[in-house]
Amino acid sequence: MRAANLFAKFMLELAALAAFAFWGSTIASGIAAVVIAIAAPFVMAVLWGWFAAPRAKRRLPLPARVPFELGVFALATVALVAASSTLAAVVFASAVLINAALLTVFGQWEA
């Protein structure tokens, strides 16, 4: 169960990337949509890699990292709503909340 929960967190990170890409593709048209759809998840991945990834050199301490991670997931949820995917946003946010609760119960925030 513990390994499955960490796998779920990784899948949520990938889903957040997809949400940012989808949002980027909906807020513009033509080449601008392509650029934003690539840039938005790229920025998220870079920030996550700098501040939240387990092997990050600048990994935030736990009291700052948890809000950072949850903030990224919240922004991905907002991006889905902004892209008119309310159902996807609700499903994503629900999965994030369940995962966060299990990370807390299992003491996995440091993983």
PDB file of N, CA and C in Angstrom:
ATOM      1  N   MET A   1       0.823  -1.197   0.000  1.00  0.00           N
ATOM      2  CA  MET A   1       0.000   0.000   0.000  1.00  0.00           C
ATOM      3  C   MET A   1       0.871   1.267   0.000  1.00  0.00           C
ATOM      4  N   ARG A   2       1.969   1.212   0.758  1.00  0.00           N
ATOM      5  CA  ARG A   2       2.846   2.378   0.839  1.00  0.00           C
ATOM      6  C   ARG A   2       3.505   2.674  -0.509  1.00  0.00           C
ATOM      7  N   ALA A   3       3.974   1.620  -1.174  1.00  0.00           N
ATOM      8  CA  ALA A   3       4.607   1.804  -2.485  1.00  0.00           C
ATOM      9  C   ALA A   3       3.582   2.310  -3.499  1.00  0.00           C
ATOM     10  N   ALA A   4       2.371   1.803  -3.419  1.00  0.00           N
ATOM     11  CA  ALA A   4       1.316   2.244  -4.335  1.00  0.00           C
ATOM     12  C   ALA A   4       1.001   3.717  -4.122  1.00  0.00           C
ATOM     13  N   ASN A   5       1.064   4.178  -2.887  1.00  0.00           N
ATOM     14  CA  ASN A   5       0.784   5.581  -2.610  1.00  0.00           C
ATOM     15  C   ASN A   5       1.868   6.488  -3.187  1.00  0.00           C
ATOM     16  N   LEU A   6       3.127   6.069  -3.081  1.00  0.00           N
ATOM     17  CA  LEU A   6       4.207   6.859  -3.683  1.00  0.00           C
ATOM     18  C   LEU A   6       4.095   6.848  -5.202  1.00  0.00           C
ATOM     19  N   PHE A   7       3.707   5.710  -5.771  1.00  0.00           N
ATOM     20  CA  PHE A   7       3.487   5.641  -7.213  1.00  0.00           C
ATOM     21  C   PHE A   7       2.350   6.576  -7.612  1.00  0.00           C
ATOM     22  N   ALA A   8       1.302   6.620  -6.796  1.00  0.00           N
ATOM     23  CA  ALA A   8       0.167   7.516  -7.077  1.00  0.00           C
ATOM     24  C   ALA A   8       0.619   8.974  -7.057  1.00  0.00           C
ATOM     25  N   LYS A   9       1.506   9.323  -6.121  1.00  0.00           N
ATOM     26  CA  LYS A   9       2.010  10.700  -6.081  1.00  0.00           C
ATOM     27  C   LYS A   9       2.767  11.027  -7.360  1.00  0.00           C
ATOM     28  N   PHE A  10       3.577  10.092  -7.831  1.00  0.00           N
ATOM     29  CA  PHE A  10       4.301  10.311  -9.076  1.00  0.00           C
ATOM     30  C   PHE A  10       3.326  10.473 -10.243  1.00  0.00           C
ATOM     31  N   MET A  11       2.291   9.664 -10.268  1.00  0.00           N
ATOM     32  CA  MET A  11       1.287   9.777 -11.331  1.00  0.00           C
ATOM     33  C   MET A  11       0.566  11.129 -11.258  1.00  0.00           C
ATOM     34  N   LEU A  12       0.339  11.631 -10.052  1.00  0.00           N
ATOM     35  CA  LEU A  12      -0.283  12.948  -9.895  1.00  0.00           C
ATOM     36  C   LEU A  12       0.644  14.051 -10.400  1.00  0.00           C
ATOM     37  N   GLU A  13       1.937  13.887 -10.194  1.00  0.00           N
ATOM     38  CA  GLU A  13       2.900  14.857 -10.731  1.00  0.00           C
ATOM     39  C   GLU A  13       2.829  14.877 -12.258  1.00  0.00           C
ATOM     40  N   LEU A  14       2.767  13.705 -12.871  1.00  0.00           N
ATOM     41  CA  LEU A  14       2.647  13.631 -14.326  1.00  0.00           C
ATOM     42  C   LEU A  14       1.309  14.203 -14.800  1.00  0.00           C
ATOM     43  N   ALA A  15       0.255  13.939 -14.037  1.00  0.00           N
ATOM     44  CA  ALA A  15      -1.062  14.484 -14.389  1.00  0.00           C
ATOM     45  C   ALA A  15      -1.050  16.008 -14.301  1.00  0.00           C
ATOM     46  N   ALA A  16      -0.327  16.550 -13.330  1.00  0.00           N
ATOM     47  CA  ALA A  16      -0.216  18.006 -13.224  1.00  0.00           C
ATOM     48  C   ALA A  16       0.489  18.579 -14.454  1.00  0.00           C
ATOM     49  N   LEU A  17       1.541  17.905 -14.916  1.00  0.00           N
ATOM     50  CA  LEU A  17       2.204  18.339 -16.148  1.00  0.00           C
ATOM     51  C   LEU A  17       1.220  18.346 -17.312  1.00  0.00           C
ATOM     52  N   ALA A  18       0.440  17.286 -17.405  1.00  0.00           N
ATOM     53  CA  ALA A  18      -0.550  17.192 -18.486  1.00  0.00           C
ATOM     54  C   ALA A  18      -1.607  18.287 -18.357  1.00  0.00           C
ATOM     55  N   ALA A  19      -2.006  18.586 -17.139  1.00  0.00           N
ATOM     56  CA  ALA A  19      -3.014  19.639 -16.924  1.00  0.00           C
ATOM     57  C   ALA A  19      -2.489  20.988 -17.391  1.00  0.00           C
ATOM     58  N   PHE A  20      -1.229  21.287 -17.068  1.00  0.00           N
ATOM     59  CA  PHE A  20      -0.650  22.556 -17.513  1.00  0.00           C
ATOM     60  C   PHE A  20      -0.523  22.601 -19.031  1.00  0.00           C
ATOM     61  N   ALA A  21      -0.160  21.488 -19.630  1.00  0.00           N
ATOM     62  CA  ALA A  21      -0.058  21.435 -21.090  1.00  0.00           C
ATOM     63  C   ALA A  21      -1.435  21.624 -21.730  1.00  0.00           C
ATOM     64  N   PHE A  22      -2.429  20.944 -21.190  1.00  0.00           N
ATOM     65  CA  PHE A  22      -3.785  21.066 -21.723  1.00  0.00           C
ATOM     66  C   PHE A  22      -4.284  22.495 -21.593  1.00  0.00           C
ATOM     67  N   TRP A  23      -4.079  23.092 -20.426  1.00  0.00           N
ATOM     68  CA  TRP A  23      -4.488  24.482 -20.216  1.00  0.00           C
ATOM     69  C   TRP A  23      -3.799  25.388 -21.232  1.00  0.00           C
ATOM     70  N   GLY A  24      -2.496  25.195 -21.386  1.00  0.00           N
ATOM     71  CA  GLY A  24      -1.750  26.031 -22.329  1.00  0.00           C
ATOM     72  C   GLY A  24      -2.268  25.928 -23.744  1.00  0.00           C
ATOM     73  N   SER A  25      -2.732  24.749 -24.112  1.00  0.00           N
ATOM     74  CA  SER A  25      -3.239  24.565 -25.470  1.00  0.00           C
ATOM     75  C   SER A  25      -4.615  25.186 -25.679  1.00  0.00           C
ATOM     76  N   THR A  26      -5.293  25.527 -24.590  1.00  0.00           N
ATOM     77  CA  THR A  26      -6.646  26.078 -24.714  1.00  0.00           C
ATOM     78  C   THR A  26      -6.719  27.591 -24.598  1.00  0.00           C
ATOM     79  N   ILE A  27      -5.655  28.240 -24.144  1.00  0.00           N
ATOM     80  CA  ILE A  27      -5.764  29.685 -23.905  1.00  0.00           C
ATOM     81  C   ILE A  27      -5.324  30.525 -25.094  1.00  0.00           C
ATOM     82  N   ALA A  28      -4.840  29.863 -26.120  1.00  0.00           N
ATOM     83  CA  ALA A  28      -4.410  30.591 -27.314  1.00  0.00           C
ATOM     84  C   ALA A  28      -4.707  29.714 -28.521  1.00  0.00           C
ATOM     85  N   SER A  29      -4.299  30.196 -29.680  1.00  0.00           N
ATOM     86  CA  SER A  29      -4.472  29.395 -30.886  1.00  0.00           C
ATOM     87  C   SER A  29      -3.184  29.444 -31.697  1.00  0.00           C
ATOM     88  N   GLY A  30      -3.074  28.518 -32.619  1.00  0.00           N
ATOM     89  CA  GLY A  30      -1.914  28.483 -33.487  1.00  0.00           C
ATOM     90  C   GLY A  30      -0.631  28.195 -32.745  1.00  0.00           C
ATOM     91  N   ILE A  31       0.429  28.852 -33.173  1.00  0.00           N
ATOM     92  CA  ILE A  31       1.750  28.621 -32.602  1.00  0.00           C
ATOM     93  C   ILE A  31       1.818  29.048 -31.132  1.00  0.00           C
ATOM     94  N   ALA A  32       1.056  30.055 -30.759  1.00  0.00           N
ATOM     95  CA  ALA A  32       1.046  30.496 -29.356  1.00  0.00           C
ATOM     96  C   ALA A  32       0.551  29.382 -28.449  1.00  0.00           C
ATOM     97  N   ALA A  33      -0.457  28.654 -28.888  1.00  0.00           N
ATOM     98  CA  ALA A  33      -0.984  27.537 -28.099  1.00  0.00           C
ATOM     99  C   ALA A  33       0.082  26.463 -27.919  1.00  0.00           C
ATOM    100  N   VAL A  34       0.811  26.190 -28.967  1.00  0.00           N
ATOM    101  CA  VAL A  34       1.864  25.177 -28.900  1.00  0.00           C
ATOM    102  C   VAL A  34       2.961  25.621 -27.935  1.00  0.00           C
ATOM    103  N   VAL A  35       3.370  26.877 -28.042  1.00  0.00           N
ATOM    104  CA  VAL A  35       4.435  27.400 -27.178  1.00  0.00           C
ATOM    105  C   VAL A  35       4.010  27.360 -25.714  1.00  0.00           C
ATOM    106  N   ILE A  36       2.803  27.811 -25.425  1.00  0.00           N
ATOM    107  CA  ILE A  36       2.320  27.813 -24.038  1.00  0.00           C
ATOM    108  C   ILE A  36       2.130  26.394 -23.529  1.00  0.00           C
ATOM    109  N   ALA A  37       1.630  25.509 -24.392  1.00  0.00           N
ATOM    110  CA  ALA A  37       1.420  24.114 -23.989  1.00  0.00           C
ATOM    111  C   ALA A  37       2.734  23.407 -23.672  1.00  0.00           C
ATOM    112  N   ILE A  38       3.812  23.880 -24.236  1.00  0.00           N
ATOM    113  CA  ILE A  38       5.133  23.322 -23.924  1.00  0.00           C
ATOM    114  C   ILE A  38       5.763  24.054 -22.742  1.00  0.00           C
ATOM    115  N   ALA A  39       5.639  25.375 -22.722  1.00  0.00           N
ATOM    116  CA  ALA A  39       6.304  26.178 -21.694  1.00  0.00           C
ATOM    117  C   ALA A  39       5.710  25.980 -20.298  1.00  0.00           C
ATOM    118  N   ALA A  40       4.407  25.894 -20.192  1.00  0.00           N
ATOM    119  CA  ALA A  40       3.777  25.793 -18.870  1.00  0.00           C
ATOM    120  C   ALA A  40       4.218  24.535 -18.116  1.00  0.00           C
ATOM    121  N   PRO A  41       4.130  23.354 -18.715  1.00  0.00           N
ATOM    122  CA  PRO A  41       4.610  22.177 -17.975  1.00  0.00           C
ATOM    123  C   PRO A  41       6.126  22.177 -17.788  1.00  0.00           C
ATOM    124  N   PHE A  42       6.849  22.793 -18.722  1.00  0.00           N
ATOM    125  CA  PHE A  42       8.300  22.876 -18.576  1.00  0.00           C
ATOM    126  C   PHE A  42       8.664  23.682 -17.322  1.00  0.00           C
ATOM    127  N   VAL A  43       8.007  24.824 -17.149  1.00  0.00           N
ATOM    128  CA  VAL A  43       8.265  25.656 -15.963  1.00  0.00           C
ATOM    129  C   VAL A  43       7.928  24.886 -14.692  1.00  0.00           C
ATOM    130  N   MET A  44       6.793  24.186 -14.700  1.00  0.00           N
ATOM    131  CA  MET A  44       6.412  23.394 -13.532  1.00  0.00           C
ATOM    132  C   MET A  44       7.457  22.326 -13.245  1.00  0.00           C
ATOM    133  N   ALA A  45       7.931  21.640 -14.283  1.00  0.00           N
ATOM    134  CA  ALA A  45       8.912  20.573 -14.095  1.00  0.00           C
ATOM    135  C   ALA A  45      10.232  21.127 -13.551  1.00  0.00           C
ATOM    136  N   VAL A  46      10.648  22.276 -14.047  1.00  0.00           N
ATOM    137  CA  VAL A  46      11.887  22.878 -13.560  1.00  0.00           C
ATOM    138  C   VAL A  46      11.759  23.270 -12.091  1.00  0.00           C
ATOM    139  N   LEU A  47      10.678  23.926 -11.743  1.00  0.00           N
ATOM    140  CA  LEU A  47      10.477  24.330 -10.343  1.00  0.00           C
ATOM    141  C   LEU A  47      10.390  23.111  -9.429  1.00  0.00           C
ATOM    142  N   TRP A  48       9.655  22.092  -9.876  1.00  0.00           N
ATOM    143  CA  TRP A  48       9.534  20.864  -9.076  1.00  0.00           C
ATOM    144  C   TRP A  48      10.916  20.227  -8.914  1.00  0.00           C
ATOM    145  N   GLY A  49      11.663  20.183  -9.990  1.00  0.00           N
ATOM    146  CA  GLY A  49      12.996  19.598  -9.935  1.00  0.00           C
ATOM    147  C   GLY A  49      13.947  20.346  -9.011  1.00  0.00           C
ATOM    148  N   TRP A  50      13.813  21.645  -8.965  1.00  0.00           N
ATOM    149  CA  TRP A  50      14.665  22.444  -8.078  1.00  0.00           C
ATOM    150  C   TRP A  50      14.265  22.335  -6.620  1.00  0.00           C
ATOM    151  N   PHE A  51      12.966  22.332  -6.337  1.00  0.00           N
ATOM    152  CA  PHE A  51      12.518  22.505  -4.960  1.00  0.00           C
ATOM    153  C   PHE A  51      11.820  21.312  -4.314  1.00  0.00           C
ATOM    154  N   ALA A  52      11.335  20.347  -5.096  1.00  0.00           N
ATOM    155  CA  ALA A  52      10.547  19.274  -4.497  1.00  0.00           C
ATOM    156  C   ALA A  52      11.057  17.870  -4.790  1.00  0.00           C
ATOM    157  N   ALA A  53      11.831  17.699  -5.835  1.00  0.00           N
ATOM    158  CA  ALA A  53      12.304  16.366  -6.197  1.00  0.00           C
ATOM    159  C   ALA A  53      13.178  15.781  -5.090  1.00  0.00           C
ATOM    160  N   PRO A  54      13.072  14.477  -4.868  1.00  0.00           N
ATOM    161  CA  PRO A  54      13.846  13.855  -3.780  1.00  0.00           C
ATOM    162  C   PRO A  54      15.354  14.096  -3.862  1.00  0.00           C
ATOM    163  N   ARG A  55      15.899  14.211  -5.053  1.00  0.00           N
ATOM    164  CA  ARG A  55      17.350  14.414  -5.197  1.00  0.00           C
ATOM    165  C   ARG A  55      17.729  15.859  -5.511  1.00  0.00           C
ATOM    166  N   ALA A  56      16.797  16.776  -5.336  1.00  0.00           N
ATOM    167  CA  ALA A  56      17.067  18.184  -5.642  1.00  0.00           C
ATOM    168  C   ALA A  56      18.128  18.746  -4.702  1.00  0.00           C
ATOM    169  N   LYS A  57      19.055  19.503  -5.271  1.00  0.00           N
ATOM    170  CA  LYS A  57      20.097  20.128  -4.448  1.00  0.00           C
ATOM    171  C   LYS A  57      19.525  21.242  -3.581  1.00  0.00           C
ATOM    172  N   ARG A  58      18.457  21.886  -4.070  1.00  0.00           N
ATOM    173  CA  ARG A  58      17.820  22.986  -3.328  1.00  0.00           C
ATOM    174  C   ARG A  58      16.484  22.550  -2.726  1.00  0.00           C
ATOM    175  N   ARG A  59      16.329  21.274  -2.431  1.00  0.00           N
ATOM    176  CA  ARG A  59      15.046  20.766  -1.938  1.00  0.00           C
ATOM    177  C   ARG A  59      14.618  21.548  -0.700  1.00  0.00           C
ATOM    178  N   LEU A  60      13.394  21.996  -0.754  1.00  0.00           N
ATOM    179  CA  LEU A  60      12.860  22.769   0.363  1.00  0.00           C
ATOM    180  C   LEU A  60      12.733  21.892   1.605  1.00  0.00           C
ATOM    181  N   PRO A  61      12.887  22.497   2.787  1.00  0.00           N
ATOM    182  CA  PRO A  61      12.619  21.722   3.999  1.00  0.00           C
ATOM    183  C   PRO A  61      11.126  21.358   4.037  1.00  0.00           C
ATOM    184  N   LEU A  62      10.816  20.294   4.719  1.00  0.00           N
ATOM    185  CA  LEU A  62       9.457  19.748   4.721  1.00  0.00           C
ATOM    186  C   LEU A  62       8.367  20.782   5.004  1.00  0.00           C
ATOM    187  N   PRO A  63       8.523  21.671   6.007  1.00  0.00           N
ATOM    188  CA  PRO A  63       7.441  22.635   6.267  1.00  0.00           C
ATOM    189  C   PRO A  63       7.166  23.593   5.102  1.00  0.00           C
ATOM    190  N   ALA A  64       8.132  23.789   4.235  1.00  0.00           N
ATOM    191  CA  ALA A  64       7.926  24.642   3.061  1.00  0.00           C
ATOM    192  C   ALA A  64       7.591  23.816   1.821  1.00  0.00           C
ATOM    193  N   ARG A  65       8.098  22.584   1.760  1.00  0.00           N
ATOM    194  CA  ARG A  65       7.884  21.762   0.573  1.00  0.00           C
ATOM    195  C   ARG A  65       6.445  21.268   0.451  1.00  0.00           C
ATOM    196  N   VAL A  66       5.839  20.893   1.555  1.00  0.00           N
ATOM    197  CA  VAL A  66       4.458  20.396   1.486  1.00  0.00           C
ATOM    198  C   VAL A  66       3.528  21.463   0.903  1.00  0.00           C
ATOM    199  N   PRO A  67       3.557  22.703   1.387  1.00  0.00           N
ATOM    200  CA  PRO A  67       2.704  23.725   0.757  1.00  0.00           C
ATOM    201  C   PRO A  67       3.084  23.993  -0.694  1.00  0.00           C
ATOM    202  N   PHE A  68       4.371  23.923  -1.017  1.00  0.00           N
ATOM    203  CA  PHE A  68       4.797  24.113  -2.399  1.00  0.00           C
ATOM    204  C   PHE A  68       4.181  23.038  -3.292  1.00  0.00           C
ATOM    205  N   GLU A  69       4.322  21.770  -2.898  1.00  0.00           N
ATOM    206  CA  GLU A  69       3.777  20.671  -3.695  1.00  0.00           C
ATOM    207  C   GLU A  69       2.258  20.780  -3.827  1.00  0.00           C
ATOM    208  N   LEU A  70       1.592  21.029  -2.711  1.00  0.00           N
ATOM    209  CA  LEU A  70       0.131  21.152  -2.758  1.00  0.00           C
ATOM    210  C   LEU A  70      -0.283  22.377  -3.574  1.00  0.00           C
ATOM    211  N   GLY A  71       0.530  23.426  -3.540  1.00  0.00           N
ATOM    212  CA  GLY A  71       0.251  24.611  -4.353  1.00  0.00           C
ATOM    213  C   GLY A  71       0.356  24.319  -5.840  1.00  0.00           C
ATOM    214  N   VAL A  72       1.350  23.530  -6.231  1.00  0.00           N
ATOM    215  CA  VAL A  72       1.477  23.137  -7.638  1.00  0.00           C
ATOM    216  C   VAL A  72       0.241  22.343  -8.057  1.00  0.00           C
ATOM    217  N   PHE A  73      -0.170  21.413  -7.212  1.00  0.00           N
ATOM    218  CA  PHE A  73      -1.363  20.616  -7.528  1.00  0.00           C
ATOM    219  C   PHE A  73      -2.618  21.493  -7.568  1.00  0.00           C
ATOM    220  N   ALA A  74      -2.688  22.480  -6.697  1.00  0.00           N
ATOM    221  CA  ALA A  74      -3.834  23.396  -6.717  1.00  0.00           C
ATOM    222  C   ALA A  74      -3.842  24.209  -8.012  1.00  0.00           C
ATOM    223  N   LEU A  75      -2.680  24.680  -8.439  1.00  0.00           N
ATOM    224  CA  LEU A  75      -2.606  25.416  -9.705  1.00  0.00           C
ATOM    225  C   LEU A  75      -2.985  24.536 -10.892  1.00  0.00           C
ATOM    226  N   ALA A  76      -2.605  23.266 -10.844  1.00  0.00           N
ATOM    227  CA  ALA A  76      -3.000  22.341 -11.911  1.00  0.00           C
ATOM    228  C   ALA A  76      -4.520  22.171 -11.914  1.00  0.00           C
ATOM    229  N   THR A  77      -5.120  22.121 -10.734  1.00  0.00           N
ATOM    230  CA  THR A  77      -6.581  22.029 -10.639  1.00  0.00           C
ATOM    231  C   THR A  77      -7.233  23.272 -11.231  1.00  0.00           C
ATOM    232  N   VAL A  78      -6.712  24.439 -10.889  1.00  0.00           N
ATOM    233  CA  VAL A  78      -7.229  25.693 -11.440  1.00  0.00           C
ATOM    234  C   VAL A  78      -7.060  25.711 -12.958  1.00  0.00           C
ATOM    235  N   ALA A  79      -5.934  25.206 -13.435  1.00  0.00           N
ATOM    236  CA  ALA A  79      -5.697  25.157 -14.880  1.00  0.00           C
ATOM    237  C   ALA A  79      -6.752  24.296 -15.573  1.00  0.00           C
ATOM    238  N   LEU A  80      -7.108  23.183 -14.959  1.00  0.00           N
ATOM    239  CA  LEU A  80      -8.152  22.328 -15.539  1.00  0.00           C
ATOM    240  C   LEU A  80      -9.496  23.032 -15.557  1.00  0.00           C
ATOM    241  N   VAL A  81      -9.822  23.735 -14.489  1.00  0.00           N
ATOM    242  CA  VAL A  81     -11.083  24.490 -14.456  1.00  0.00           C
ATOM    243  C   VAL A  81     -11.068  25.564 -15.530  1.00  0.00           C
ATOM    244  N   ALA A  82      -9.947  26.274 -15.648  1.00  0.00           N
ATOM    245  CA  ALA A  82      -9.827  27.342 -16.650  1.00  0.00           C
ATOM    246  C   ALA A  82      -9.929  26.789 -18.069  1.00  0.00           C
ATOM    247  N   ALA A  83      -9.549  25.524 -18.250  1.00  0.00           N
ATOM    248  CA  ALA A  83      -9.637  24.889 -19.562  1.00  0.00           C
ATOM    249  C   ALA A  83     -10.991  24.215 -19.765  1.00  0.00           C
ATOM    250  N   SER A  84     -11.956  24.552 -18.911  1.00  0.00           N
ATOM    251  CA  SER A  84     -13.317  24.012 -18.995  1.00  0.00           C
ATOM    252  C   SER A  84     -13.378  22.512 -18.787  1.00  0.00           C
ATOM    253  N   SER A  85     -12.528  21.992 -17.937  1.00  0.00           N
ATOM    254  CA  SER A  85     -12.551  20.571 -17.592  1.00  0.00           C
ATOM    255  C   SER A  85     -12.834  20.418 -16.105  1.00  0.00           C
ATOM    256  N   THR A  86     -14.021  20.845 -15.709  1.00  0.00           N
ATOM    257  CA  THR A  86     -14.381  20.845 -14.295  1.00  0.00           C
ATOM    258  C   THR A  86     -14.378  19.446 -13.701  1.00  0.00           C
ATOM    259  N   LEU A  87     -14.907  18.476 -14.428  1.00  0.00           N
ATOM    260  CA  LEU A  87     -14.928  17.107 -13.917  1.00  0.00           C
ATOM    261  C   LEU A  87     -13.508  16.588 -13.705  1.00  0.00           C
ATOM    262  N   ALA A  88     -12.638  16.829 -14.668  1.00  0.00           N
ATOM    263  CA  ALA A  88     -11.238  16.411 -14.519  1.00  0.00           C
ATOM    264  C   ALA A  88     -10.597  17.110 -13.319  1.00  0.00           C
ATOM    265  N   ALA A  89     -10.924  18.373 -13.109  1.00  0.00           N
ATOM    266  CA  ALA A  89     -10.382  19.115 -11.973  1.00  0.00           C
ATOM    267  C   ALA A  89     -10.844  18.515 -10.652  1.00  0.00           C
ATOM    268  N   VAL A  90     -12.110  18.156 -10.570  1.00  0.00           N
ATOM    269  CA  VAL A  90     -12.651  17.564  -9.341  1.00  0.00           C
ATOM    270  C   VAL A  90     -11.999  16.207  -9.072  1.00  0.00           C
ATOM    271  N   VAL A  91     -11.874  15.388 -10.098  1.00  0.00           N
ATOM    272  CA  VAL A  91     -11.242  14.075  -9.949  1.00  0.00           C
ATOM    273  C   VAL A  91      -9.787  14.236  -9.534  1.00  0.00           C
ATOM    274  N   PHE A  92      -9.069  15.135 -10.197  1.00  0.00           N
ATOM    275  CA  PHE A  92      -7.661  15.373  -9.884  1.00  0.00           C
ATOM    276  C   PHE A  92      -7.505  15.868  -8.448  1.00  0.00           C
ATOM    277  N   ALA A  93      -8.271  16.877  -8.074  1.00  0.00           N
ATOM    278  CA  ALA A  93      -8.167  17.441  -6.721  1.00  0.00           C
ATOM    279  C   ALA A  93      -8.511  16.395  -5.667  1.00  0.00           C
ATOM    280  N   SER A  94      -9.508  15.580  -5.937  1.00  0.00           N
ATOM    281  CA  SER A  94      -9.879  14.519  -4.990  1.00  0.00           C
ATOM    282  C   SER A  94      -8.738  13.522  -4.823  1.00  0.00           C
ATOM    283  N   ALA A  95      -8.116  13.145  -5.925  1.00  0.00           N
ATOM    284  CA  ALA A  95      -6.988  12.212  -5.864  1.00  0.00           C
ATOM    285  C   ALA A  95      -5.824  12.821  -5.089  1.00  0.00           C
ATOM    286  N   VAL A  96      -5.575  14.116  -5.293  1.00  0.00           N
ATOM    287  CA  VAL A  96      -4.497  14.799  -4.562  1.00  0.00           C
ATOM    288  C   VAL A  96      -4.793  14.790  -3.064  1.00  0.00           C
ATOM    289  N   LEU A  97      -6.022  15.083  -2.681  1.00  0.00           N
ATOM    290  CA  LEU A  97      -6.374  15.110  -1.255  1.00  0.00           C
ATOM    291  C   LEU A  97      -6.236  13.734  -0.618  1.00  0.00           C
ATOM    292  N   ILE A  98      -6.687  12.710  -1.303  1.00  0.00           N
ATOM    293  CA  ILE A  98      -6.547  11.349  -0.775  1.00  0.00           C
ATOM    294  C   ILE A  98      -5.078  10.985  -0.655  1.00  0.00           C
ATOM    295  N   ASN A  99      -4.295  11.298  -1.685  1.00  0.00           N
ATOM    296  CA  ASN A  99      -2.873  10.996  -1.657  1.00  0.00           C
ATOM    297  C   ASN A  99      -2.170  11.745  -0.531  1.00  0.00           C
ATOM    298  N   ALA A 100      -2.498  13.011  -0.352  1.00  0.00           N
ATOM    299  CA  ALA A 100      -1.873  13.805   0.721  1.00  0.00           C
ATOM    300  C   ALA A 100      -2.217  13.234   2.094  1.00  0.00           C
ATOM    301  N   ALA A 101      -3.458  12.818   2.262  1.00  0.00           N
ATOM    302  CA  ALA A 101      -3.857  12.207   3.540  1.00  0.00           C
ATOM    303  C   ALA A 101      -3.065  10.925   3.788  1.00  0.00           C
ATOM    304  N   LEU A 102      -2.913  10.104   2.754  1.00  0.00           N
ATOM    305  CA  LEU A 102      -2.162   8.861   2.909  1.00  0.00           C
ATOM    306  C   LEU A 102      -0.672   9.120   3.104  1.00  0.00           C
ATOM    307  N   LEU A 103      -0.131  10.136   2.445  1.00  0.00           N
ATOM    308  CA  LEU A 103       1.269  10.504   2.683  1.00  0.00           C
ATOM    309  C   LEU A 103       1.480  10.868   4.153  1.00  0.00           C
ATOM    310  N   THR A 104       0.502  11.534   4.727  1.00  0.00           N
ATOM    311  CA  THR A 104       0.584  11.914   6.138  1.00  0.00           C
ATOM    312  C   THR A 104       0.459  10.691   7.039  1.00  0.00           C
ATOM    313  N   VAL A 105      -0.535   9.849   6.783  1.00  0.00           N
ATOM    314  CA  VAL A 105      -0.761   8.655   7.603  1.00  0.00           C
ATOM    315  C   VAL A 105       0.447   7.721   7.554  1.00  0.00           C
ATOM    316  N   PHE A 106       1.022   7.543   6.374  1.00  0.00           N
ATOM    317  CA  PHE A 106       2.158   6.637   6.210  1.00  0.00           C
ATOM    318  C   PHE A 106       3.499   7.283   6.504  1.00  0.00           C
ATOM    319  N   GLY A 107       3.498   8.596   6.801  1.00  0.00           N
ATOM    320  CA  GLY A 107       4.752   9.293   7.078  1.00  0.00           C
ATOM    321  C   GLY A 107       5.681   9.319   5.862  1.00  0.00           C
ATOM    322  N   GLN A 108       5.099   9.564   4.687  1.00  0.00           N
ATOM    323  CA  GLN A 108       5.866   9.493   3.436  1.00  0.00           C
ATOM    324  C   GLN A 108       6.214  10.846   2.833  1.00  0.00           C
ATOM    325  N   TRP A 109       6.001  11.930   3.517  1.00  0.00           N
ATOM    326  CA  TRP A 109       6.288  13.235   2.919  1.00  0.00           C
ATOM    327  C   TRP A 109       7.777  13.400   2.638  1.00  0.00           C
ATOM    328  N   GLU A 110       8.639  12.709   3.339  1.00  0.00           N
ATOM    329  CA  GLU A 110      10.077  12.828   3.103  1.00  0.00           C
ATOM    330  C   GLU A 110      10.542  12.017   1.908  1.00  0.00           C
ATOM    331  N   ALA A 111       9.701  11.123   1.418  1.00  0.00           N
ATOM    332  CA  ALA A 111      10.109  10.251   0.294  1.00  0.00           C
ATOM    333  C   ALA A 111      10.195  11.031  -0.991  1.00  0.00           C
TER     334      ALA A 111
END
